[in-house]
Amino acid sequence: MNTFAALTSERHSIGRDFSILDLSKIYGISAVLSRIPCGIPGVYAWYRNFNLPSLESSSPDEYASLIIQEVERQHCVPRSVRLAPSHKIAFESYQKIPGKKKDALKYYCKNVEFRKRLNGVLAASVLYQSPLYIGKATSLQSRIAAHLKPDSILRTRLNKAGIDLLACKLIFYAMEKTAEIKDDIPPEAILSADDDVEEDNDLMRDEIGMGPELVLEDLMSRLFNPLFTIRYG
């Protein structure tokens, strides 16, 4: 299977431990979870998915409006910082297409070949977009199941930005325990009392400070800057 076909399929495995799932093409949460290893630790990342209508079912103007809506959607979690003694500054994403470029987009969207190419670019966007969220788990299946609950913190956070987790792409790397990587570092050596831990009810507290997946997740977060993560770790 070539790279483009892999990125647009329901599920694609790269090697034995690395998989991509397109949740928009899998019916039901149970079906999603059946494709994720049970009881295996690992790291994972959520990505935005762009499921645009077919060229036949939308007019050029409708297509252009959907693209503009995606561009101007909230791109990251809002943040705020307190300035003592009596002020607070809030930050939120703001993205607008300038008027002339918006007009140019609408003009080119009248061209079927342009819309086909743009669909292709967006179908492969997992290759170059920032992840929405990066996480780690002692059990990948249990952790993803927690995320997919209707009232989970991550799902609620993304819903506020107009992003449906059940329409996203999930990439996960299963890290089966081996003799070469021993999970023998005590939790207190990894996580000090001063370290930031995301206050996420989805996170099982006994995961904190355990295993090489925590180290890998922290590195991935600092390298790739997930947009809807509050704090790393």
Foldseek 3Di string as FASTA:
>chain_A
DDPLCCLQDQKDDDPDFKMKGQLQPAPDPVRVLVVFDWQFKWKKFWAFADDQDDPVPDALVRRLVSVQCVQQFWDFFKDKDDDPDDDMDIDTDGGHDDPVVSVVSSVCSNPPVSVVVVVSCRSNCVVPDFTQDMDIDSTVSLLVVLVPPCPFPNQVRVVVRVTHRSRIMMMIGTDHDDPVFDFPDDQCVPDPPPDDDDPTPSDDPVVRSTDPNLVVRQVCCVVRPNRYDPDHD
